[in-house]
C-alpha atoms as a PDB file:
ATOM      1  CA  ILE A   1     104.632  34.344  32.563  1.00  0.00           C
ATOM      2  CA  LEU A   2     103.875  32.216  35.784  1.00  0.00           C
ATOM      3  CA  ALA A   3     107.385  33.311  37.376  1.00  0.00           C
ATOM      4  CA  GLN A   4     105.937  37.135  36.332  1.00  0.00           C
ATOM      5  CA  ILE A   5     103.226  36.305  38.367  1.00  0.00           C
ATOM      6  CA  GLU A   6     104.642  34.360  40.894  1.00  0.00           C
ATOM      7  CA  ALA A   7     107.413  37.421  41.727  1.00  0.00           C
ATOM      8  CA  GLN A   8     104.383  39.636  41.474  1.00  0.00           C
ATOM      9  CA  GLN A   9     102.633  37.203  43.684  1.00  0.00           C
ATOM     10  CA  GLN A  10     105.893  37.434  46.267  1.00  0.00           C
ATOM     11  CA  LYS A  11     105.777  41.258  46.002  1.00  0.00           C
ATOM     12  CA  HIS A  12     102.744  41.692  47.269  1.00  0.00           C
ATOM     13  CA  THR A  13     102.690  39.281  49.832  1.00  0.00           C
ATOM     14  CA  GLU A  14     105.602  41.180  51.206  1.00  0.00           C
ATOM     15  CA  GLU A  15     103.838  44.308  50.795  1.00  0.00           C
ATOM     16  CA  LEU A  16     100.886  42.746  52.664  1.00  0.00           C
ATOM     17  CA  GLN A  17     103.457  41.671  54.975  1.00  0.00           C
ATOM     18  CA  GLN A  18     105.204  44.808  55.871  1.00  0.00           C
ATOM     19  CA  LEU A  19     101.224  46.312  55.662  1.00  0.00           C
ATOM     20  CA  GLU A  20     100.134  44.717  58.394  1.00  0.00           C
ATOM     21  CA  MET A  21     103.065  45.044  59.860  1.00  0.00           C
ATOM     22  CA  ALA A  22     102.765  48.656  59.570  1.00  0.00           C
ATOM     23  CA  ILE A  23      99.058  48.397  60.851  1.00  0.00           C
ATOM     24  CA  GLU A  24     100.224  46.276  63.530  1.00  0.00           C
ATOM     25  CA  GLN A  25     102.751  49.115  64.959  1.00  0.00           C
ATOM     26  CA  LEU A  26      99.864  51.530  64.480  1.00  0.00           C
ATOM     27  CA  ARG A  27      97.354  49.461  66.549  1.00  0.00           C
ATOM     28  CA  SER A  28     100.245  49.512  69.271  1.00  0.00           C
ATOM     29  CA  THR A  29     100.504  52.660  69.023  1.00  0.00           C
ATOM     30  CA  ILE A  30      97.007  53.435  68.468  1.00  0.00           C
ATOM     31  CA  GLN A  31      96.913  51.591  72.155  1.00  0.00           C
ATOM     32  CA  ARG A  32      99.068  53.304  74.138  1.00  0.00           C
ATOM     33  CA  SER A  33      97.733  56.497  72.852  1.00  0.00           C
ATOM     34  CA  GLN A  34      94.795  55.703  74.119  1.00  0.00           C
ATOM     35  CA  ALA A  35      95.601  54.420  77.380  1.00  0.00           C
ATOM     36  CA  GLN A  36      97.512  57.848  78.122  1.00  0.00           C
ATOM     37  CA  ILE A  37      94.384  59.391  77.184  1.00  0.00           C
ATOM     38  CA  ASP A  38      92.098  57.705  79.347  1.00  0.00           C
ATOM     39  CA  GLU A  39      94.858  58.267  81.900  1.00  0.00           C
ATOM     40  CA  ARG A  40      94.584  61.642  81.749  1.00  0.00           C
ATOM     41  CA  ILE A  41      90.909  61.556  81.458  1.00  0.00           C
ATOM     42  CA  SER A  42      90.429  59.737  84.929  1.00  0.00           C
ATOM     43  CA  ILE A  43      92.864  62.061  86.107  1.00  0.00           C
ATOM     44  CA  GLN A  44      91.385  64.949  84.822  1.00  0.00           C
ATOM     45  CA  GLN A  45      87.685  63.589  86.202  1.00  0.00           C
ATOM     46  CA  ALA A  46      89.972  63.189  89.771  1.00  0.00           C
ATOM     47  CA  GLN A  47      91.106  66.739  89.711  1.00  0.00           C
ATOM     48  CA  SER A  48      87.392  68.229  89.251  1.00  0.00           C
ATOM     49  CA  GLN A  49      85.623  65.865  91.526  1.00  0.00           C
ATOM     50  CA  GLU A  50      88.254  67.474  94.134  1.00  0.00           C
ATOM     51  CA  LEU A  51      87.825  71.166  93.088  1.00  0.00           C
ATOM     52  CA  GLN A  52      84.241  70.244  92.960  1.00  0.00           C
ATOM     53  CA  SER A  53      84.362  68.828  96.403  1.00  0.00           C
ATOM     54  CA  MET A  54      86.266  72.590  97.257  1.00  0.00           C
ATOM     55  CA  GLU A  55      83.788  74.463  95.670  1.00  0.00           C
ATOM     56  CA  GLN A  56      81.409  72.953  97.831  1.00  0.00           C
ATOM     57  CA  ASP A  57      83.458  73.313 101.144  1.00  0.00           C
ATOM     58  CA  LEU A  58      83.694  77.243 100.600  1.00  0.00           C
ATOM     59  CA  LEU A  59      80.367  77.044  99.840  1.00  0.00           C
ATOM     60  CA  SER A  60      79.710  75.883 103.104  1.00  0.00           C
ATOM     61  CA  GLN A  61      82.067  78.424 105.242  1.00  0.00           C
ATOM     62  CA  LYS A  62      81.127  80.583 103.097  1.00  0.00           C
ATOM     63  CA  ALA A  63      77.498  80.128 104.613  1.00  0.00           C
ATOM     64  CA  ALA A  64      79.431  79.481 107.835  1.00  0.00           C
ATOM     65  CA  ILE A  65      80.875  83.125 107.211  1.00  0.00           C
ATOM     66  CA  ALA A  66      77.360  84.837 107.141  1.00  0.00           C
ATOM     67  CA  THR A  67      75.672  83.059 109.724  1.00  0.00           C
ATOM     68  CA  SER A  68      78.586  83.768 112.277  1.00  0.00           C
ATOM     69  CA  SER A  69      78.846  87.067 110.960  1.00  0.00           C
ATOM     70  CA  ASN A  70      74.828  87.683 111.735  1.00  0.00           C
ATOM     71  CA  GLN A  71      75.465  86.307 115.210  1.00  0.00           C
ATOM     72  CA  ILE A  72      78.004  88.640 115.989  1.00  0.00           C
ATOM     73  CA  ASN A  73      75.868  92.302 114.338  1.00  0.00           C
ATOM     74  CA  LEU A  74      72.846  90.557 116.758  1.00  0.00           C
ATOM     75  CA  TYR A  75      75.408  90.401 119.530  1.00  0.00           C
ATOM     76  CA  GLN A  76      75.991  93.846 118.994  1.00  0.00           C
ATOM     77  CA  GLU A  77      72.703  95.233 119.025  1.00  0.00           C
ATOM     78  CA  THR A  78      71.728  93.092 122.019  1.00  0.00           C
ATOM     79  CA  LEU A  79      75.373  94.051 124.282  1.00  0.00           C
ATOM     80  CA  GLN A  80      75.481  97.706 122.771  1.00  0.00           C
ATOM     81  CA  PRO A  81      72.309  99.231 125.356  1.00  0.00           C
ATOM     82  CA  ILE A  82      73.963  97.129 128.221  1.00  0.00           C
ATOM     83  CA  GLN A  83      77.393  98.372 127.358  1.00  0.00           C
ATOM     84  CA  ASP A  84      75.419 101.691 127.695  1.00  0.00           C
ATOM     85  CA  SER A  85      73.812 100.942 130.464  1.00  0.00           C
ATOM     86  CA  LEU A  86      77.672 100.290 132.078  1.00  0.00           C
ATOM     87  CA  ASP A  87      79.308 103.151 131.046  1.00  0.00           C
ATOM     88  CA  GLN A  88      76.525 105.458 132.619  1.00  0.00           C
ATOM     89  CA  LEU A  89      76.458 103.385 135.596  1.00  0.00           C
ATOM     90  CA  ARG A  90      80.551 103.907 135.541  1.00  0.00           C
ATOM     91  CA  PHE A  91      80.380 107.409 135.409  1.00  0.00           C
ATOM     92  CA  GLN A  92      77.164 107.789 137.999  1.00  0.00           C
ATOM     93  CA  LEU A  93      79.862 105.138 140.177  1.00  0.00           C
ATOM     94  CA  ASN A  94      82.036 107.617 139.476  1.00  0.00           C
ATOM     95  CA  ALA A  95      80.038 110.288 140.339  1.00  0.00           C
ATOM     96  CA  ILE A  96      79.004 109.245 144.074  1.00  0.00           C
ATOM     97  CA  ALA A  97      82.979 108.251 144.706  1.00  0.00           C
ATOM     98  CA  ASN A  98      84.072 112.025 143.964  1.00  0.00           C
ATOM     99  CA  THR A  99      80.892 112.996 146.116  1.00  0.00           C
ATOM    100  CA  SER A 100      81.401 110.504 149.162  1.00  0.00           C
ATOM    101  CA  THR A 101      85.170 111.500 148.843  1.00  0.00           C
ATOM    102  CA  GLN A 102      84.168 115.603 148.945  1.00  0.00           C
ATOM    103  CA  VAL A 103      81.961 114.205 152.096  1.00  0.00           C
ATOM    104  CA  GLN A 104      85.002 112.169 153.523  1.00  0.00           C
ATOM    105  CA  GLU A 105      86.916 115.446 152.895  1.00  0.00           C
ATOM    106  CA  ALA A 106      84.102 117.874 154.595  1.00  0.00           C
ATOM    107  CA  GLY A 107      83.830 115.624 157.677  1.00  0.00           C
ATOM    108  CA  ASP A 108      87.698 114.796 158.337  1.00  0.00           C
ATOM    109  CA  ARG A 109      87.618 118.575 158.789  1.00  0.00           C
ATOM    110  CA  GLN A 110      84.526 118.957 160.498  1.00  0.00           C
ATOM    111  CA  LEU A 111      86.205 116.279 163.165  1.00  0.00           C
ATOM    112  CA  GLN A 112      88.853 118.808 163.034  1.00  0.00           C
ATOM    113  CA  ASP A 113      87.318 121.950 163.970  1.00  0.00           C
ATOM    114  CA  ILE A 114      85.392 119.864 166.192  1.00  0.00           C
ATOM    115  CA  ALA A 115      88.903 118.894 168.175  1.00  0.00           C
ATOM    116  CA  GLU A 116      90.372 122.252 167.991  1.00  0.00           C
ATOM    117  CA  ILE A 117      87.023 123.636 169.180  1.00  0.00           C
ATOM    118  CA  ARG A 118      87.859 121.117 172.099  1.00  0.00           C
ATOM    119  CA  GLN A 119      91.246 121.963 172.532  1.00  0.00           C
ATOM    120  CA  ALA A 120      89.499 125.421 172.671  1.00  0.00           C
ATOM    121  CA  LEU A 121      87.536 125.139 175.229  1.00  0.00           C
ATOM    122  CA  MET A 122      89.701 123.369 177.500  1.00  0.00           C
ATOM    123  CA  GLY A 123      91.998 126.119 177.123  1.00  0.00           C
ATOM    124  CA  VAL A 124      89.547 127.784 178.312  1.00  0.00           C
ATOM    125  CA  MET A 125      87.636 125.813 180.758  1.00  0.00           C
ATOM    126  CA  GLY A 126      91.666 125.633 182.275  1.00  0.00           C
ATOM    127  CA  ILE A 127      91.447 129.424 183.056  1.00  0.00           C
ATOM    128  CA  GLN A 128      88.037 129.587 184.165  1.00  0.00           C
ATOM    129  CA  LEU A 129      88.748 127.004 187.030  1.00  0.00           C
ATOM    130  CA  THR A 130      91.896 128.154 187.780  1.00  0.00           C
ATOM    131  CA  ILE A 131      90.448 131.664 188.029  1.00  0.00           C
END
């Protein structure tokens, strides 16, 4: 009986050692898995922080664009009357230029007419002096 008990005890000891080895292997596997999970969590947290930073940048850029858009609208509202005035001045200057050209042409014709009258008078005076 003692031999059977020792055999049983030996068998249980071997089974216990096998179980302890299996437990150690499981612990090792669990530790590796935990390390991988921790690494993935760390990567995910870094990506999450990067996304939050990018989101903040995007919101800042949207705010800057909105501010710029408002400034552009204000400038357009301010500059449009000036542009209208400049267009009106340009139109008036063109009208003045056209009028000036017409006056110059009329003056040139008058000078030409005066020169012709002078020549005619000179011719008449020259004829009278010879008579």
